[in-house]
Protein backbone atom coordinates (compact mmCIF):
# COMPACT_ATOMS: atom_id res chain seq x y z
CA MET A 1 84.15 38.87 -80.46
CA GLN A 2 80.37 38.87 -80.49
CA SER A 3 77.57 36.80 -81.99
CA SER A 4 73.80 36.59 -81.67
CA ASN A 5 74.12 33.86 -79.07
CA HIS A 6 76.80 35.16 -76.74
CA ARG A 7 79.17 37.96 -75.90
CA LEU A 8 82.78 37.74 -74.81
CA ARG A 9 84.18 40.46 -72.61
CA ASP A 10 87.88 41.22 -72.09
CA MET A 11 87.60 41.81 -68.38
CA GLU A 12 89.76 40.75 -65.41
CA GLN A 13 86.92 39.20 -63.44
CA HIS A 14 85.05 35.93 -63.17
CA HIS A 15 81.54 34.78 -63.88
CA PRO A 16 79.60 31.81 -62.47
CA LEU A 17 78.88 30.47 -65.94
CA LEU A 18 81.82 28.08 -65.81
CA ALA A 19 81.86 26.00 -62.65
CA ALA A 20 85.19 25.49 -60.95
CA GLY A 21 84.98 21.74 -61.21
CA VAL A 22 84.29 21.58 -64.94
CA ASP A 23 87.17 21.36 -67.41
CA VAL A 24 86.95 24.05 -70.07
CA GLU A 25 88.90 22.02 -72.55
CA ALA A 26 88.55 18.26 -72.72
CA GLY A 27 91.60 16.56 -71.27
CA SER A 28 93.79 19.66 -71.26
CA LEU A 29 93.79 20.34 -67.54
CA ALA A 30 94.09 16.70 -66.63
CA ALA A 31 96.99 16.44 -69.02
CA GLY A 32 99.02 19.20 -67.42
CA VAL A 33 100.84 22.10 -69.01
CA MET A 34 104.32 23.37 -69.77
CA VAL A 35 104.98 26.96 -68.79
CA GLY A 36 106.58 28.93 -71.58
CA GLY A 37 106.30 26.02 -73.97
CA PRO A 38 104.73 26.05 -77.40
CA ASN A 39 101.72 23.99 -76.35
CA ALA A 40 99.14 24.80 -73.72
CA GLY A 41 98.09 21.24 -73.17
CA HIS A 42 98.55 17.66 -74.24
CA SER A 43 96.38 14.66 -74.74
CA ALA A 44 94.85 13.02 -71.71
CA GLY A 45 97.05 10.00 -72.16
CA ASN A 46 100.21 12.03 -71.60
CA ARG A 47 99.81 13.39 -68.10
CA THR A 48 102.57 15.73 -67.07
CA VAL A 49 103.83 17.41 -63.94
CA TRP A 50 103.77 21.17 -63.84
CA PHE A 51 106.98 23.16 -63.41
CA ILE A 52 107.46 26.93 -63.26
CA GLN A 53 110.62 28.36 -64.80
CA ASP A 54 110.99 31.32 -62.45
CA SER A 55 114.51 32.10 -61.24
CA CYS A 56 113.40 33.59 -57.91
CA GLY A 57 111.10 30.66 -57.20
CA MET A 58 113.74 28.07 -58.09
CA VAL A 59 116.25 29.79 -55.78
CA CYS A 60 113.72 29.88 -52.92
CA ALA A 61 112.75 26.23 -53.48
CA THR A 62 116.44 25.23 -53.47
CA MET A 63 116.97 27.19 -50.24
CA THR A 64 114.03 25.35 -48.67
CA TRP A 65 115.60 21.99 -49.45
CA PHE A 66 119.02 23.17 -48.25
CA LEU A 67 117.63 24.36 -44.90
CA VAL A 68 115.68 21.12 -44.33
CA LEU A 69 118.76 19.03 -45.18
CA TYR A 70 120.87 21.24 -42.91
CA ALA A 71 118.46 20.54 -40.07
CA GLU A 72 118.73 16.82 -40.87
CA PHE A 73 122.52 17.03 -40.66
CA VAL A 74 122.59 18.84 -37.31
CA VAL A 75 119.91 16.68 -35.72
CA ASN A 76 121.46 13.41 -36.86
CA PHE A 77 125.21 14.03 -36.69
CA VAL A 78 125.50 16.66 -33.96
CA MET A 79 122.76 15.59 -31.54
CA LEU A 80 121.46 12.04 -32.03
CA LEU A 81 124.36 9.86 -33.20
CA PRO A 82 126.75 10.95 -30.41
CA ALA A 83 124.02 10.41 -27.77
CA LYS A 84 124.65 7.58 -25.33
CA ASN A 85 120.99 6.57 -25.05
CA PHE A 86 120.30 4.24 -27.98
CA TRP A 87 116.50 4.34 -27.76
CA TYR A 88 116.51 8.12 -27.44
CA SER A 89 118.49 8.39 -30.66
CA LEU A 90 116.47 5.74 -32.48
CA LEU A 91 113.00 7.07 -31.66
CA ASN A 92 113.84 10.71 -32.21
CA GLY A 93 115.81 9.94 -35.36
CA ALA A 94 113.00 7.88 -36.85
CA THR A 95 110.42 10.53 -36.01
CA PHE A 96 112.42 13.52 -37.26
CA ASN A 97 113.62 11.87 -40.47
CA SER A 98 110.15 10.54 -41.30
CA LEU A 99 108.61 13.97 -40.87
CA ALA A 100 111.41 15.53 -42.95
CA VAL A 101 110.78 13.07 -45.80
CA LEU A 102 107.06 13.83 -45.68
CA ALA A 103 107.79 17.57 -45.68
CA LEU A 104 110.08 17.35 -48.72
CA ALA A 105 107.63 15.05 -50.53
CA SER A 106 104.82 17.55 -49.86
CA HIS A 107 107.05 20.34 -51.17
CA LEU A 108 107.71 18.43 -54.39
CA ARG A 109 104.05 17.61 -54.90
CA THR A 110 103.11 21.26 -54.36
CA MET A 111 105.79 22.49 -56.75
CA LEU A 112 105.26 19.90 -59.50
CA THR A 113 101.45 19.70 -59.48
CA ASP A 114 99.32 21.77 -61.82
CA PRO A 115 97.50 24.13 -59.42
CA GLY A 116 94.48 24.29 -61.72
CA ALA A 117 95.66 26.21 -64.78
CA VAL A 118 93.15 27.25 -67.40
CA PRO A 119 94.40 26.35 -70.92
CA LYS A 120 95.92 29.23 -72.85
CA GLY A 121 94.20 30.61 -75.92
CA ASN A 122 90.97 28.63 -75.62
CA ALA A 123 88.83 31.75 -76.19
CA THR A 124 88.24 30.88 -79.84
CA LYS A 125 85.06 31.24 -81.83
CA GLU A 126 84.89 27.49 -82.47
CA TYR A 127 85.26 26.59 -78.80
CA MET A 128 82.70 29.13 -77.62
CA GLU A 129 80.20 27.85 -80.15
CA SER A 130 80.74 24.37 -78.71
CA LEU A 131 79.67 25.67 -75.26
CA GLN A 132 76.12 26.07 -76.59
CA LEU A 133 75.51 29.22 -74.57
CA LYS A 134 72.02 30.57 -74.15
CA PRO A 135 71.17 33.97 -75.66
CA GLY A 136 72.35 36.78 -73.39
CA GLU A 137 74.77 34.66 -71.37
CA VAL A 138 78.11 36.36 -70.77
CA ILE A 139 81.50 34.74 -70.34
CA TYR A 140 84.74 36.49 -69.52
CA LYS A 141 88.06 36.38 -71.27
CA CYS A 142 91.43 37.03 -69.65
CA PRO A 143 93.25 39.52 -71.91
CA LYS A 144 96.63 38.38 -70.59
CA CYS A 145 96.51 34.69 -71.49
CA CYS A 146 93.58 34.80 -73.95
CA SER A 147 91.59 32.15 -72.12
CA ILE A 148 88.00 31.86 -70.97
CA LYS A 149 88.00 32.68 -67.30
CA PRO A 150 86.06 30.27 -65.06
CA GLU A 151 84.47 31.31 -61.80
CA ARG A 152 86.98 32.00 -58.99
CA ALA A 153 89.94 31.93 -61.38
CA HIS A 154 92.62 34.64 -61.18
CA HIS A 155 95.57 35.42 -63.42
CA CYS A 156 99.07 34.84 -62.01
CA SER A 157 101.71 37.09 -63.55
CA ILE A 158 104.48 34.64 -62.61
CA CYS A 159 102.82 31.47 -63.89
CA LYS A 160 101.41 33.49 -66.80
CA ARG A 161 98.16 31.56 -66.55
CA CYS A 162 94.73 31.88 -64.99
CA ILE A 163 94.57 29.56 -61.96
CA ARG A 164 91.35 28.08 -60.60
CA LYS A 165 90.72 28.99 -56.94
CA MET A 166 94.11 30.69 -56.79
CA ASP A 167 95.01 31.39 -53.17
CA HIS A 168 98.44 32.98 -53.71
CA HIS A 169 101.75 32.44 -55.46
CA CYS A 170 104.37 31.09 -53.07
CA PRO A 171 108.03 31.45 -54.13
CA TRP A 172 109.12 28.89 -51.52
CA VAL A 173 107.32 26.18 -53.48
CA ASN A 174 107.88 27.92 -56.84
CA ASN A 175 104.22 27.60 -57.74
CA CYS A 176 100.75 28.96 -57.24
CA VAL A 177 98.59 27.44 -54.53
CA GLY A 178 95.31 26.61 -56.20
CA GLU A 179 92.50 24.13 -56.62
CA LYS A 180 94.61 21.06 -57.38
CA ASN A 181 97.66 21.44 -55.10
CA GLN A 182 96.35 23.20 -52.01
CA ARG A 183 96.23 19.97 -50.00
CA PHE A 184 99.95 19.39 -50.62
CA PHE A 185 100.77 22.95 -49.57
CA VAL A 186 98.81 22.46 -46.34
CA LEU A 187 100.75 19.24 -45.67
CA PHE A 188 104.03 21.01 -46.44
CA THR A 189 103.36 23.76 -43.90
CA MET A 190 102.20 21.22 -41.31
CA TYR A 191 105.23 18.94 -41.61
CA ILE A 192 107.70 21.86 -41.66
CA ALA A 193 106.08 23.23 -38.49
CA LEU A 194 106.34 19.79 -36.84
CA ILE A 195 110.02 19.23 -37.67
CA SER A 196 110.81 22.80 -36.60
CA ALA A 197 109.17 22.24 -33.21
CA HIS A 198 110.92 18.88 -32.91
CA ALA A 199 114.31 20.40 -33.77
CA LEU A 200 113.79 23.14 -31.16
CA GLY A 201 112.98 20.54 -28.50
CA LEU A 202 116.00 18.41 -29.38
CA SER A 203 118.27 21.48 -29.39
CA GLY A 204 117.08 22.49 -25.92
CA MET A 205 117.69 18.97 -24.59
CA HIS A 206 121.13 18.86 -26.21
CA PHE A 207 122.16 22.24 -24.78
CA PHE A 208 121.04 21.17 -21.32
CA THR A 209 122.88 17.84 -21.52
CA CYS A 210 126.09 19.34 -22.90
CA ILE A 211 126.22 22.13 -20.33
CA LYS A 212 125.69 19.54 -17.60
CA VAL A 213 128.75 17.54 -18.70
CA GLN A 214 130.68 20.66 -19.77
CA TRP A 215 130.64 19.56 -23.43
CA ASN A 216 132.81 16.50 -22.70
CA GLU A 217 131.96 13.67 -25.11
CA CYS A 218 128.78 15.54 -26.00
CA SER A 219 129.38 15.77 -29.73
CA ASN A 220 131.79 14.63 -32.41
CA PHE A 221 132.43 18.31 -33.17
CA SER A 222 134.31 20.84 -31.08
CA PRO A 223 132.23 22.84 -28.57
CA GLY A 224 132.54 26.03 -30.64
CA VAL A 225 131.41 24.41 -33.87
CA SER A 226 128.58 22.57 -32.12
CA VAL A 227 127.30 25.79 -30.53
CA LEU A 228 127.34 27.64 -33.86
CA LEU A 229 125.52 24.80 -35.64
CA LEU A 230 122.90 24.58 -32.90
CA ILE A 231 122.34 28.34 -32.73
CA PHE A 232 121.76 28.54 -36.48
CA LEU A 233 119.42 25.55 -36.30
CA CYS A 234 117.42 27.17 -33.50
CA LEU A 235 117.10 30.44 -35.42
CA GLU A 236 116.01 28.54 -38.53
CA ALA A 237 113.53 26.44 -36.55
CA ILE A 238 111.97 29.49 -34.83
CA LEU A 239 111.60 31.31 -38.15
CA PHE A 240 110.17 28.30 -39.99
CA LEU A 241 107.88 27.32 -37.12
CA THR A 242 106.40 30.81 -36.89
CA PHE A 243 105.91 31.21 -40.63
CA THR A 244 104.53 27.74 -41.39
CA ALA A 245 102.27 27.62 -38.31
CA VAL A 246 100.68 30.91 -39.37
CA MET A 247 100.36 29.72 -42.98
CA PHE A 248 98.88 26.39 -41.86
CA GLY A 249 96.27 28.14 -39.72
CA THR A 250 95.46 30.58 -42.52
CA GLN A 251 95.02 27.78 -45.04
CA ILE A 252 92.77 25.74 -42.75
CA HIS A 253 90.68 28.84 -42.06
CA SER A 254 90.38 29.55 -45.80
CA ILE A 255 89.40 25.95 -46.56
CA CYS A 256 86.79 25.83 -43.79
CA ASN A 257 85.28 29.10 -45.04
CA ASP A 258 85.68 28.20 -48.73
CA GLU A 259 87.38 31.52 -49.42
CA THR A 260 90.81 31.99 -50.97
CA GLU A 261 93.25 34.62 -49.77
CA ILE A 262 92.74 36.67 -52.95
CA GLU A 263 88.96 36.57 -52.51
CA ARG A 264 89.35 37.68 -48.89
CA LEU A 265 91.69 40.56 -49.76
CA LYS A 266 89.44 41.71 -52.62
CA ASN A 267 86.38 41.29 -50.38
CA GLU A 268 84.61 39.39 -53.14
CA LYS A 269 81.05 38.39 -52.39
CA PRO A 270 80.54 34.64 -52.92
CA THR A 271 78.43 33.77 -55.95
CA TRP A 272 79.17 30.07 -55.61
CA GLU A 273 77.83 27.39 -53.30
CA ARG A 274 80.18 27.47 -50.33
CA HIS A 275 81.50 24.28 -48.73
CA MET A 276 81.91 25.11 -45.06
CA ARG A 277 84.03 23.42 -42.40
CA TRP A 278 84.21 19.65 -42.92
CA ASP A 279 82.66 19.86 -46.36
CA GLY A 280 85.43 22.26 -47.34
CA MET A 281 88.09 19.97 -45.90
CA LYS A 282 86.63 17.00 -47.75
CA SER A 283 86.56 18.89 -51.04
CA VAL A 284 90.26 19.79 -50.72
CA PHE A 285 91.66 16.59 -49.22
CA GLY A 286 89.22 14.19 -50.87
CA GLY A 287 86.84 11.80 -49.15
CA PRO A 288 86.02 11.41 -45.46
CA PRO A 289 88.68 12.05 -42.79
CA SER A 290 91.41 9.41 -42.83
CA LEU A 291 95.16 8.99 -42.59
CA LEU A 292 95.30 9.41 -46.37
CA TRP A 293 94.75 13.11 -45.78
CA CYS A 294 98.29 13.23 -44.33
CA ASN A 295 99.85 11.25 -47.19
CA PRO A 296 101.62 13.41 -49.81
CA PHE A 297 102.20 10.34 -52.00
CA THR A 298 98.49 9.83 -52.72
CA GLY A 299 97.87 9.42 -56.45
CA LEU A 300 101.56 9.25 -57.35
CA ARG A 301 102.56 6.46 -59.76
CA LEU A 302 106.33 6.28 -59.81
CA ARG A 303 106.53 3.39 -62.26
CA ARG A 304 105.55 5.67 -65.13
CA LEU A 305 107.84 8.55 -64.16
CA LEU A 306 109.63 9.64 -67.34
CA VAL A 307 111.58 12.77 -68.09
CA VAL A 308 110.66 14.57 -71.30
CA THR A 309 112.70 17.47 -72.64
CA GLN A 310 110.85 20.01 -74.74
CA GLY A 311 113.48 22.44 -76.03
CA ARG A 312 115.10 25.42 -74.35
CA ARG A 313 112.03 27.61 -73.92
CA GLY A 314 109.72 24.76 -73.12
CA GLY A 315 111.66 23.57 -70.10
CA SER A 316 111.04 20.09 -68.77
CA GLU A 317 108.01 17.98 -68.01
CA PHE A 318 107.71 14.81 -66.00
CA SER A 319 105.25 12.27 -67.28
CA VAL A 320 103.29 10.60 -64.52
């Protein structure tokens, strides 16, 4: 598609013509999208929560919830409730359960938040004419989703969309990590690392106490069952702590250097104005440092939560 004013190239790369913070279609990104559905966007008054219909991702996300709830069960019913020290049980129970709720809330926000998808099929003649491009300016079109590709956007084969500032696609959250949900992914990795470390500490204390009293009145379960439950919890906690701590450090490093994982792997030279260190943190988490940075419920309005079904192929959306 070519005219006297502009050229459109079917190339899998980006161009600084479209800034990452500018919507390429009025209201469409703010409105959310439905993967696999007939429509790429909706009106701005019908904001929706993103959901990826990928079988592998949904299985991994379900496993994540199962493992967190398993840790809740072991910590509460095997270690804390049978403990004789009331304040020990209360303080550790309140801390662990609060962190677990924050971790699961962060997981949901990461999974159900549009990571910054570019609307499908917006590379039309009418839309490009509305951009009022200068003669000789070049924009790039993604041949896979037929959309104009903004700067720093990359196509995800699982989401089937171009994602702004795409860092990577994570099956454990069944979503891409991109411009609009990276903060929730960082919180998810942080809270999972914290509850994993807490569970390891509690397991060590429980083992020590039970061995000291030879497992008499140490748990409501038999010694064999308790040992098996604790061993599996420790293995889970070590695995999760290692993985999420590394991911948390990687994400913080990427944010402070304003460079996504894809850009680092491809060794892309920055053509954008980089937000380094605290400026990068502020751009991702929003505003100056505060406790709100650690709150995964920021911006969530539960009163307007409605479930909308859009046919078999369209999947489901959640109006927020």
